[in-house]
N, C-alpha and C. Protein backbone atom coordinates (compact mmCIF):
# COMPACT_ATOMS: atom_id res chain seq x y z
N MET A 1 77.27 109.70 43.58
CA MET A 1 77.55 110.97 43.96
C MET A 1 77.01 111.01 45.83
N ALA A 2 75.66 109.82 46.00
CA ALA A 2 75.57 109.91 47.41
C ALA A 2 76.66 109.27 48.35
N GLU A 3 77.61 108.14 47.88
CA GLU A 3 78.71 107.94 48.20
C GLU A 3 79.65 108.78 48.92
N GLY A 4 79.83 110.16 47.91
CA GLY A 4 80.97 110.51 48.20
C GLY A 4 80.71 111.74 49.42
N ILE A 5 79.09 112.27 49.54
CA ILE A 5 78.43 112.84 50.20
C ILE A 5 78.70 112.01 51.66
N ALA A 6 77.94 111.00 51.88
CA ALA A 6 78.00 110.11 53.13
C ALA A 6 79.53 109.95 53.41
N THR A 7 80.56 110.05 52.69
CA THR A 7 81.98 109.98 53.61
C THR A 7 82.29 111.12 54.20
N ALA A 8 81.62 112.35 53.46
CA ALA A 8 82.13 113.63 53.53
C ALA A 8 81.64 114.22 55.29
N VAL A 9 80.46 113.29 55.24
CA VAL A 9 79.26 114.23 56.44
C VAL A 9 79.98 113.43 57.76
N PRO A 10 80.37 112.56 57.95
CA PRO A 10 81.05 112.18 59.20
C PRO A 10 82.41 112.89 59.67
N ASP A 11 83.01 112.85 58.29
CA ASP A 11 84.13 113.86 58.69
C ASP A 11 83.81 115.42 59.08
N ALA A 12 83.04 116.22 58.52
CA ALA A 12 82.63 117.53 58.95
C ALA A 12 82.22 117.48 60.30
N ALA A 13 81.16 116.25 60.93
CA ALA A 13 81.04 116.42 62.06
C ALA A 13 81.53 116.48 63.01
N VAL A 14 82.80 115.34 63.06
CA VAL A 14 83.92 115.15 63.81
C VAL A 14 84.50 116.80 63.81
N GLY A 15 85.20 117.06 62.38
CA GLY A 15 85.58 118.38 62.93
C GLY A 15 84.94 119.51 63.70
N ASP A 16 83.51 119.52 63.53
CA ASP A 16 82.54 120.25 64.57
C ASP A 16 83.32 120.11 65.87
N ALA A 17 83.13 118.78 66.50
CA ALA A 17 83.12 118.35 67.55
C ALA A 17 84.56 118.52 67.94
N ALA A 18 85.69 118.77 67.39
CA ALA A 18 86.87 119.44 67.39
C ALA A 18 86.78 120.71 67.94
N ALA A 19 86.44 121.51 67.13
CA ALA A 19 86.19 122.82 67.64
C ALA A 19 86.06 122.79 68.63
N ARG A 20 85.02 122.20 69.55
CA ARG A 20 84.79 122.47 70.97
C ARG A 20 85.59 122.03 71.87
N PRO A 21 86.06 122.89 72.59
CA PRO A 21 87.39 122.69 73.57
C PRO A 21 86.87 121.02 74.17
N GLU A 22 85.54 121.29 75.05
CA GLU A 22 85.56 119.91 75.94
C GLU A 22 85.47 118.40 74.61
N ALA A 23 85.43 118.76 73.84
CA ALA A 23 85.42 117.58 72.95
C ALA A 23 86.95 117.25 72.26
N ALA A 24 87.60 118.43 72.39
CA ALA A 24 88.77 117.98 71.30
C ALA A 24 89.90 117.02 71.58
N ALA A 25 90.07 116.81 72.94
CA ALA A 25 90.71 115.80 73.85
C ALA A 25 90.27 114.38 73.13
N VAL A 26 89.16 114.37 73.23
CA VAL A 26 88.53 112.86 73.13
C VAL A 26 88.71 112.65 71.25
N VAL A 27 87.99 113.71 70.50
CA VAL A 27 87.86 113.43 69.15
C VAL A 27 89.72 113.11 68.78
N ALA A 28 90.88 113.45 69.37
CA ALA A 28 91.82 113.70 69.14
C ALA A 28 92.13 112.19 69.45
N ASP A 29 91.62 111.52 69.90
CA ASP A 29 92.26 110.07 70.21
C ASP A 29 90.98 109.44 70.35
N PRO A 30 90.82 108.67 69.27
CA PRO A 30 89.83 108.09 68.15
C PRO A 30 89.58 106.12 69.49
N ALA A 31 90.81 106.00 69.79
CA ALA A 31 90.57 104.79 71.21
C ALA A 31 90.61 105.36 72.45
N TYR A 32 89.49 106.29 72.52
CA TYR A 32 88.96 106.68 73.71
C TYR A 32 87.76 105.27 74.17
N VAL A 33 87.64 105.29 74.98
CA VAL A 33 86.92 103.87 75.80
C VAL A 33 85.83 104.99 76.66
N ILE A 34 84.78 105.06 75.92
CA ILE A 34 83.35 105.29 76.63
C ILE A 34 83.04 104.82 77.91
N GLY A 35 82.77 105.47 78.66
CA GLY A 35 82.25 105.53 79.78
C GLY A 35 80.93 106.50 80.55
N PRO A 36 80.27 105.38 81.74
CA PRO A 36 79.35 105.85 82.68
C PRO A 36 79.25 107.55 82.20
N GLU A 37 78.13 108.51 82.32
CA GLU A 37 77.97 110.03 82.71
C GLU A 37 79.05 110.63 81.22
N ASP A 38 79.51 110.09 80.73
CA ASP A 38 79.85 110.58 79.09
C ASP A 38 79.18 110.96 78.57
N ALA A 39 78.85 112.23 78.07
CA ALA A 39 77.88 112.67 76.63
C ALA A 39 78.21 112.28 75.74
N LEU A 40 77.25 112.08 74.86
CA LEU A 40 77.23 111.66 73.53
C LEU A 40 76.31 112.19 72.50
N GLU A 41 76.96 113.13 71.37
CA GLU A 41 75.87 113.32 70.30
C GLU A 41 75.70 112.39 69.15
N ILE A 42 74.49 112.07 69.04
CA ILE A 42 74.62 111.36 67.88
C ILE A 42 73.33 111.71 66.90
N SER A 43 73.85 111.46 65.28
CA SER A 43 72.86 112.00 64.16
C SER A 43 73.26 110.90 63.32
N VAL A 44 71.78 110.69 62.36
CA VAL A 44 71.43 110.28 61.01
C VAL A 44 71.37 110.99 60.21
N TRP A 45 72.83 111.19 59.08
CA TRP A 45 72.34 112.16 57.90
C TRP A 45 71.01 112.03 57.67
N ARG A 46 70.47 113.09 57.34
CA ARG A 46 69.26 113.26 56.51
C ARG A 46 68.02 112.76 56.90
N ASP A 47 68.57 112.62 58.59
CA ASP A 47 66.97 112.33 59.40
C ASP A 47 67.06 113.02 60.33
N ASP A 48 66.27 114.21 60.62
CA ASP A 48 66.80 115.31 61.39
C ASP A 48 65.49 114.60 63.02
N THR A 49 64.85 113.61 62.67
CA THR A 49 64.29 112.96 63.92
C THR A 49 65.34 112.06 64.52
N LEU A 50 66.16 111.72 63.85
CA LEU A 50 66.91 110.52 64.96
C LEU A 50 68.19 111.72 65.30
N LYS A 51 68.16 112.21 65.85
CA LYS A 51 69.35 113.21 66.69
C LYS A 51 69.28 113.03 67.89
N ALA A 52 70.59 112.78 68.67
CA ALA A 52 70.05 112.86 70.51
C ALA A 52 71.77 113.34 71.11
N SER A 53 70.94 114.09 72.25
CA SER A 53 71.91 114.21 72.86
C SER A 53 71.99 113.46 74.05
N THR A 54 72.84 112.78 74.77
CA THR A 54 72.52 111.54 75.38
C THR A 54 73.74 111.57 76.40
N LEU A 55 73.60 111.17 77.68
CA LEU A 55 74.39 111.03 78.73
C LEU A 55 74.28 109.39 78.96
N VAL A 56 75.61 108.67 78.74
CA VAL A 56 75.56 107.26 79.36
C VAL A 56 75.15 106.85 80.54
N ARG A 57 74.36 106.27 80.92
CA ARG A 57 73.69 105.62 82.32
C ARG A 57 74.69 104.74 83.01
N PRO A 58 74.25 105.19 84.19
CA PRO A 58 75.59 104.29 85.13
C PRO A 58 75.51 102.82 84.72
N ASP A 59 74.80 102.25 84.10
CA ASP A 59 74.53 100.84 84.15
C ASP A 59 75.75 101.04 82.61
N GLY A 60 76.15 101.48 81.75
CA GLY A 60 77.10 101.92 80.33
C GLY A 60 76.01 101.88 79.45
N GLY A 61 74.72 102.17 79.34
CA GLY A 61 74.12 102.30 78.27
C GLY A 61 73.22 103.23 77.72
N ILE A 62 72.44 103.37 76.52
CA ILE A 62 71.85 104.51 76.27
C ILE A 62 70.70 104.29 75.26
N SER A 63 70.00 104.31 74.85
CA SER A 63 68.69 104.42 74.47
C SER A 63 68.58 105.33 72.97
N PHE A 64 68.29 104.50 71.73
CA PHE A 64 68.30 105.53 70.56
C PHE A 64 66.72 105.15 69.68
N PRO A 65 66.48 106.20 69.19
CA PRO A 65 65.37 105.85 68.42
C PRO A 65 65.51 104.50 67.39
N LEU A 66 64.36 103.55 67.40
CA LEU A 66 64.56 102.58 66.58
C LEU A 66 65.92 101.45 66.50
N ALA A 67 67.01 101.90 67.43
CA ALA A 67 67.75 100.96 67.64
C ALA A 67 67.59 100.52 69.20
N GLY A 68 66.54 101.07 70.37
CA GLY A 68 66.39 100.49 71.31
C GLY A 68 67.63 100.82 72.02
N ASP A 69 68.13 99.69 73.24
CA ASP A 69 68.71 100.14 74.36
C ASP A 69 69.96 99.31 73.75
N LEU A 70 71.16 100.39 73.66
CA LEU A 70 72.51 99.43 73.70
C LEU A 70 73.36 99.81 74.43
N ILE A 71 74.63 98.81 75.26
CA ILE A 71 75.66 99.00 75.81
C ILE A 71 76.43 99.67 75.01
N VAL A 72 77.01 101.16 75.26
CA VAL A 72 78.47 101.49 74.65
C VAL A 72 79.27 101.80 75.88
N ALA A 73 79.75 101.63 77.04
CA ALA A 73 80.46 101.63 77.80
C ALA A 73 81.22 100.41 77.51
N GLY A 74 82.25 100.65 77.68
CA GLY A 74 83.57 99.82 76.63
C GLY A 74 84.06 99.82 75.73
N LYS A 75 83.05 100.43 74.91
CA LYS A 75 83.04 100.83 73.30
C LYS A 75 83.52 101.80 72.91
N THR A 76 84.34 102.21 71.52
CA THR A 76 84.89 103.57 71.42
C THR A 76 83.46 104.37 70.32
N ALA A 77 83.50 105.44 70.17
CA ALA A 77 82.73 106.03 69.29
C ALA A 77 82.86 105.12 67.80
N VAL A 78 83.37 104.73 67.12
CA VAL A 78 83.56 104.05 66.21
C VAL A 78 82.80 103.03 65.96
N GLN A 79 83.04 102.27 67.44
CA GLN A 79 82.27 100.63 67.68
C GLN A 79 80.60 101.02 68.13
N VAL A 80 80.41 102.15 68.51
CA VAL A 80 79.08 102.97 68.71
C VAL A 80 78.31 102.69 67.33
N ARG A 81 78.94 103.64 66.32
CA ARG A 81 78.33 104.16 65.24
C ARG A 81 78.46 102.88 64.95
N GLU A 82 79.11 101.81 64.20
CA GLU A 82 78.95 101.10 63.88
C GLU A 82 77.66 99.85 64.06
N GLU A 83 77.91 99.94 65.39
CA GLU A 83 76.70 98.80 66.01
C GLU A 83 74.94 99.47 66.18
N LEU A 84 74.96 101.07 65.88
CA LEU A 84 74.01 101.80 65.62
C LEU A 84 73.66 101.97 64.21
N ALA A 85 74.52 101.86 63.18
CA ALA A 85 74.31 101.87 61.67
C ALA A 85 73.54 100.16 61.64
N LYS A 86 73.99 99.33 62.09
CA LYS A 86 74.21 97.92 62.35
C LYS A 86 72.34 97.83 62.53
N ARG A 87 72.01 98.41 63.38
CA ARG A 87 70.74 98.25 64.14
C ARG A 87 69.50 99.08 63.25
N LEU A 88 69.96 99.94 62.87
CA LEU A 88 69.18 101.52 61.93
C LEU A 88 69.01 101.01 60.50
N SER A 89 69.97 99.94 59.90
CA SER A 89 69.90 99.44 58.75
C SER A 89 68.67 98.17 58.38
N LYS A 90 67.86 98.18 59.74
CA LYS A 90 66.51 97.42 59.30
C LYS A 90 65.35 98.46 58.86
N TYR A 91 65.29 99.35 59.23
CA TYR A 91 64.60 100.57 59.16
C TYR A 91 65.12 101.73 57.89
N ILE A 92 66.37 102.05 57.77
CA ILE A 92 67.30 102.96 56.70
C ILE A 92 68.00 102.19 55.99
N PRO A 93 67.88 102.58 55.10
CA PRO A 93 68.96 101.91 54.03
C PRO A 93 70.20 102.78 53.81
N GLU A 94 71.15 102.13 54.42
CA GLU A 94 72.90 102.10 54.14
C GLU A 94 72.61 103.85 55.15
N PRO A 95 72.17 103.55 56.72
CA PRO A 95 72.27 104.89 57.44
C PRO A 95 73.78 105.10 57.66
N VAL A 96 73.93 106.58 57.05
CA VAL A 96 75.19 107.43 57.92
C VAL A 96 74.97 107.75 59.32
N VAL A 97 75.68 107.48 60.03
CA VAL A 97 75.62 107.41 61.48
C VAL A 97 77.07 108.55 62.07
N THR A 98 76.35 109.29 62.80
CA THR A 98 77.60 110.14 63.70
C THR A 98 78.14 110.12 64.90
N VAL A 99 78.72 109.71 65.69
CA VAL A 99 78.72 109.43 67.25
C VAL A 99 80.16 110.62 67.66
N SER A 100 79.60 111.65 68.24
CA SER A 100 80.51 112.16 69.09
C SER A 100 80.49 112.07 70.77
N VAL A 101 81.86 111.64 71.07
CA VAL A 101 81.78 112.02 72.43
C VAL A 101 82.34 113.33 72.40
N VAL A 102 81.14 114.25 73.39
CA VAL A 102 81.37 115.66 73.61
C VAL A 102 81.61 115.88 75.05
N ARG A 103 81.46 115.20 75.90
CA ARG A 103 82.06 115.84 77.37
C ARG A 103 82.65 113.96 77.88
N VAL A 104 83.49 114.25 78.23
CA VAL A 104 83.91 113.02 79.40
C VAL A 104 83.95 113.20 80.85
N SER A 105 82.84 112.37 81.31
CA SER A 105 82.64 112.43 82.67
C SER A 105 83.21 111.05 83.30
N SER A 106 83.30 110.48 82.83
CA SER A 106 84.16 108.55 82.72
C SER A 106 85.38 108.68 83.49
N TYR A 107 86.28 109.91 83.11
CA TYR A 107 87.81 109.93 83.27
C TYR A 107 88.07 110.29 84.38
N ARG A 108 88.23 109.14 85.51
CA ARG A 108 88.59 109.84 86.95
C ARG A 108 90.03 109.38 87.21
N ILE A 109 90.88 110.37 88.00
CA ILE A 109 92.01 109.47 88.26
C ILE A 109 92.21 110.04 90.46
N TYR A 110 92.90 109.10 91.04
CA TYR A 110 92.87 110.03 92.32
C TYR A 110 94.29 110.05 92.88
N VAL A 111 94.19 111.20 93.42
CA VAL A 111 96.03 111.52 94.16
C VAL A 111 95.70 111.56 95.70
N LEU A 112 96.00 110.64 96.20
CA LEU A 112 96.37 110.46 97.73
C LEU A 112 97.65 110.90 98.68
N GLY A 113 97.73 110.96 99.62
CA GLY A 113 98.77 110.88 100.42
C GLY A 113 99.14 112.37 100.91
N ARG A 114 100.52 112.64 100.84
CA ARG A 114 100.90 113.81 101.33
C ARG A 114 100.58 115.26 100.05
N VAL A 115 99.53 115.33 99.87
CA VAL A 115 99.28 116.73 98.59
C VAL A 115 98.28 117.26 99.47
N ASN A 116 98.46 118.67 98.78
CA ASN A 116 97.39 119.80 99.50
C ASN A 116 95.61 119.21 99.66
N LYS A 117 95.61 118.80 98.24
CA LYS A 117 94.03 118.78 97.97
C LYS A 117 93.75 116.86 97.78
N PRO A 118 94.12 116.08 98.48
CA PRO A 118 93.92 114.55 98.05
C PRO A 118 92.36 114.87 98.06
N GLY A 119 92.15 113.62 96.61
CA GLY A 119 90.81 113.30 96.53
C GLY A 119 90.84 112.55 95.09
N ASP A 120 89.70 112.32 94.43
CA ASP A 120 89.26 111.83 93.37
C ASP A 120 89.26 113.14 92.45
N PHE A 121 89.51 112.85 91.15
CA PHE A 121 89.37 113.96 90.72
C PHE A 121 88.84 113.37 88.98
N GLN A 122 87.62 114.28 88.42
CA GLN A 122 87.59 114.06 87.01
C GLN A 122 87.91 115.15 86.52
N VAL A 123 88.77 114.31 85.76
CA VAL A 123 89.49 115.35 84.80
C VAL A 123 89.04 115.93 83.14
N GLY A 124 88.36 114.98 82.74
CA GLY A 124 87.73 115.17 81.35
C GLY A 124 89.20 114.98 79.96
N ARG A 125 90.06 114.97 80.61
CA ARG A 125 90.96 114.42 79.51
C ARG A 125 92.09 113.33 80.04
N ASN A 126 92.97 113.48 79.10
CA ASN A 126 94.20 112.30 79.51
C ASN A 126 95.48 113.51 80.31
N ILE A 127 95.62 112.87 81.57
CA ILE A 127 96.87 114.06 81.85
C ILE A 127 97.78 112.93 82.45
N ASP A 128 99.13 113.81 82.58
CA ASP A 128 100.24 113.01 83.35
C ASP A 128 100.13 113.14 84.66
N VAL A 129 101.64 112.47 85.14
CA VAL A 129 101.45 112.73 87.13
C VAL A 129 101.55 113.96 86.97
N LEU A 130 102.82 115.02 86.78
CA LEU A 130 102.58 116.33 87.06
C LEU A 130 101.51 117.03 86.89
N GLN A 131 100.84 117.01 86.20
CA GLN A 131 99.54 117.77 86.19
C GLN A 131 98.48 117.54 87.13
N ALA A 132 98.47 115.74 87.42
CA ALA A 132 97.94 115.24 88.75
C ALA A 132 98.18 115.98 89.88
N LEU A 133 99.50 116.01 90.08
CA LEU A 133 99.92 116.88 91.17
C LEU A 133 99.44 118.45 91.27
N SER A 134 99.89 118.66 90.21
CA SER A 134 99.33 119.96 90.32
C SER A 134 97.85 120.32 90.72
N ILE A 135 96.99 119.55 89.87
CA ILE A 135 95.34 119.72 90.13
C ILE A 135 95.04 119.12 91.63
N ALA A 136 96.26 118.18 92.03
CA ALA A 136 95.82 117.92 93.49
C ALA A 136 96.44 119.24 94.60
N GLY A 137 96.87 119.76 94.01
CA GLY A 137 97.69 121.41 94.75
C GLY A 137 98.66 121.15 94.64
N GLY A 138 100.00 120.44 94.47
CA GLY A 138 101.03 120.03 94.95
C GLY A 138 101.25 119.38 96.31
N MET A 139 102.47 119.21 96.72
CA MET A 139 102.74 118.06 97.65
C MET A 139 103.27 119.03 98.43
N THR A 140 102.69 118.25 99.94
CA THR A 140 103.06 119.43 101.12
C THR A 140 104.35 119.38 101.40
N PRO A 141 104.91 120.25 102.48
CA PRO A 141 106.28 120.45 102.60
C PRO A 141 107.17 118.65 103.28
N PHE A 142 106.12 118.09 103.64
CA PHE A 142 106.10 117.06 104.74
C PHE A 142 106.41 115.50 103.12
N ALA A 143 105.85 115.65 102.36
CA ALA A 143 105.88 114.70 101.69
C ALA A 143 107.50 114.21 100.70
N SER A 144 107.37 113.10 100.47
CA SER A 144 108.61 112.74 99.95
C SER A 144 108.82 112.65 98.41
N GLU A 145 110.08 113.45 97.94
CA GLU A 145 109.81 113.41 96.54
C GLU A 145 110.15 112.14 95.90
N ASP A 146 110.93 111.03 96.15
CA ASP A 146 111.07 109.81 96.17
C ASP A 146 109.94 108.68 96.37
N GLY A 147 109.77 108.00 95.84
CA GLY A 147 108.70 106.52 96.54
C GLY A 147 107.34 107.05 96.11
N ILE A 148 107.26 108.19 95.31
CA ILE A 148 105.54 108.17 94.75
C ILE A 148 105.42 107.16 94.01
N GLN A 149 103.98 106.65 93.94
CA GLN A 149 103.65 105.03 93.14
C GLN A 149 102.40 105.74 92.36
N ILE A 150 102.35 104.82 91.42
CA ILE A 150 101.14 104.89 90.52
C ILE A 150 100.53 104.07 90.55
N ILE A 151 99.62 103.21 90.99
CA ILE A 151 98.49 102.34 91.07
C ILE A 151 98.09 102.27 90.27
N ARG A 152 98.36 101.14 89.18
CA ARG A 152 97.11 101.04 88.01
C ARG A 152 96.62 99.76 87.95
N LYS A 153 95.42 98.99 87.52
CA LYS A 153 94.81 97.94 87.63
C LYS A 153 95.26 97.44 86.04
N VAL A 154 96.15 96.33 86.04
CA VAL A 154 96.72 96.04 84.53
C VAL A 154 95.87 94.37 84.88
N ASP A 155 94.78 94.10 84.00
CA ASP A 155 94.44 92.66 83.90
C ASP A 155 93.56 91.84 85.37
N GLY A 156 93.12 93.01 85.83
CA GLY A 156 92.52 93.09 87.35
C GLY A 156 93.06 92.84 88.41
N LYS A 157 94.69 93.13 88.27
CA LYS A 157 95.58 92.77 89.59
C LYS A 157 96.34 94.47 89.63
N PRO A 158 96.23 94.94 91.11
CA PRO A 158 97.04 96.07 90.91
C PRO A 158 98.44 96.05 90.61
N THR A 159 99.05 96.84 90.18
CA THR A 159 100.70 96.84 89.49
C THR A 159 100.55 98.23 90.15
N SER A 160 102.08 98.19 90.30
CA SER A 160 102.82 99.71 90.91
C SER A 160 103.98 100.06 90.04
N ILE A 161 103.78 101.55 89.84
CA ILE A 161 104.62 101.82 88.98
C ILE A 161 105.77 103.29 89.65
N PRO A 162 106.89 103.13 89.79
CA PRO A 162 107.30 104.03 91.00
C PRO A 162 107.53 105.54 90.14
N PHE A 163 107.43 106.52 91.03
CA PHE A 163 107.54 107.81 90.16
C PHE A 163 108.59 108.92 90.99
N GLU A 164 109.73 109.43 90.85
CA GLU A 164 110.93 110.09 91.36
C GLU A 164 110.86 111.06 90.77
N TYR A 165 109.89 112.05 91.62
CA TYR A 165 109.95 113.31 91.26
C TYR A 165 111.35 114.27 91.46
N SER A 166 112.13 113.89 92.08
CA SER A 166 113.46 114.81 92.09
C SER A 166 113.85 114.57 91.11
N ARG A 167 114.04 113.57 90.61
CA ARG A 167 114.57 112.86 89.24
C ARG A 167 114.05 114.10 87.95
N VAL A 168 112.67 113.96 87.88
CA VAL A 168 111.65 114.78 87.04
C VAL A 168 111.84 116.05 86.94
N ARG A 169 111.61 116.68 88.42
CA ARG A 169 112.42 117.81 88.49
C ARG A 169 113.47 118.62 87.93
N LYS A 170 114.21 118.17 88.19
CA LYS A 170 115.66 118.19 87.75
C LYS A 170 115.84 118.06 86.07
N GLY A 171 114.60 117.46 85.89
CA GLY A 171 114.69 117.17 83.84
C GLY A 171 115.74 116.15 83.61
N GLY A 172 115.68 115.07 84.39
CA GLY A 172 116.73 114.11 84.32
C GLY A 172 115.84 112.92 83.21
N ASP A 173 114.79 112.70 84.31
CA ASP A 173 114.32 111.75 83.80
C ASP A 173 112.66 112.01 83.32
N LEU A 174 112.39 112.47 82.56
CA LEU A 174 110.89 113.01 82.20
C LEU A 174 110.06 111.77 81.51
N SER A 175 110.48 110.70 81.55
CA SER A 175 110.34 109.79 80.68
C SER A 175 108.98 109.00 81.71
N GLN A 176 109.42 109.35 82.93
CA GLN A 176 108.52 108.72 84.39
C GLN A 176 107.14 109.51 84.25
N ASN A 177 107.02 110.76 83.78
CA ASN A 177 106.23 111.15 83.71
C ASN A 177 105.18 110.86 82.52
N ILE A 178 104.19 110.01 82.72
CA ILE A 178 103.66 108.92 82.28
C ILE A 178 102.22 109.56 82.13
N THR A 179 101.46 109.68 80.93
CA THR A 179 99.89 109.74 81.25
C THR A 179 99.07 108.61 82.08
N LEU A 180 98.60 109.27 82.55
CA LEU A 180 97.51 108.73 83.78
C LEU A 180 96.54 108.09 82.84
N LYS A 181 95.93 106.89 83.64
CA LYS A 181 94.71 106.17 83.01
C LYS A 181 93.61 106.26 83.82
N SER A 182 92.19 106.47 82.96
CA SER A 182 91.35 106.45 84.83
C SER A 182 91.22 105.36 85.25
N GLY A 183 91.05 105.71 86.94
CA GLY A 183 91.28 104.77 87.82
C GLY A 183 92.14 104.80 88.45
N ASP A 184 93.57 105.12 87.68
CA ASP A 184 94.92 105.57 88.43
C ASP A 184 95.21 106.17 89.54
N VAL A 185 95.82 105.48 90.64
CA VAL A 185 95.98 105.93 91.93
C VAL A 185 97.41 106.61 92.38
N LEU A 186 97.87 107.72 92.61
CA LEU A 186 98.75 108.29 92.51
C LEU A 186 98.90 108.55 93.96
N LEU A 187 99.80 108.03 94.56
CA LEU A 187 100.25 107.50 96.27
C LEU A 187 101.42 108.40 96.47
N VAL A 188 101.10 109.58 97.15
CA VAL A 188 102.34 110.54 97.81
C VAL A 188 102.98 110.01 99.26
N PRO A 189 103.71 109.58 99.51
CA PRO A 189 103.98 109.30 100.48
C PRO A 189 104.57 110.59 101.63
C-alpha cells in the first residue's frame, strides 16, 4: 500500500505546481534545465521538517537539510530529485522527494539592434522569435526585415541562424519562427 501512495504523491505535487501559472511552463517541459536564480520547492513526503522553498545560488547550488550542499544548475528537476533521494536515504528509508521549479529566472534572451527596446530579457518561459521581437517593442522603421540573425552557442561556438521576417509576416515560412533558447541573441540589422 505504501508503494501505491508513494507513486501518487509526486504526481499530485506536480499537478499542484501545474496549476500555478508561473510554474506551468516548466512543469510542461520535464527536460527543463535548472539554472541560477530559479526558485525550487522541495519536500519529502511524510516529513514536514524536510520542506524548503529555495533559490538556486549564483554558483548553481542549493542547501537542503540532511543532504547538505548540492549543485543543481545544469540538471533537471528529476535529476535533482534522484540525487536528493539518494543522499536522504542514509537517514530516511525510501524517501519520496518532490522537486518543483516554481519560478524560472535563469531563462534570458537578448534582443539587439534596430528594435524599440533593445536589451536582455528574463522571460521565464520558452518563447519564439516573433514573441521576442514583440517583447523588445517591435522593430524600428529603419530595421531590415530580412537579415535578422539568431546567434546561438552550439558546443561552445557561436552559430548564426537566419530569420527573414518578411517571409514569416506573409505566412510563407513559419518554420523560421523557432523557439529561442536561454542565452540566444536576436540581432536585428
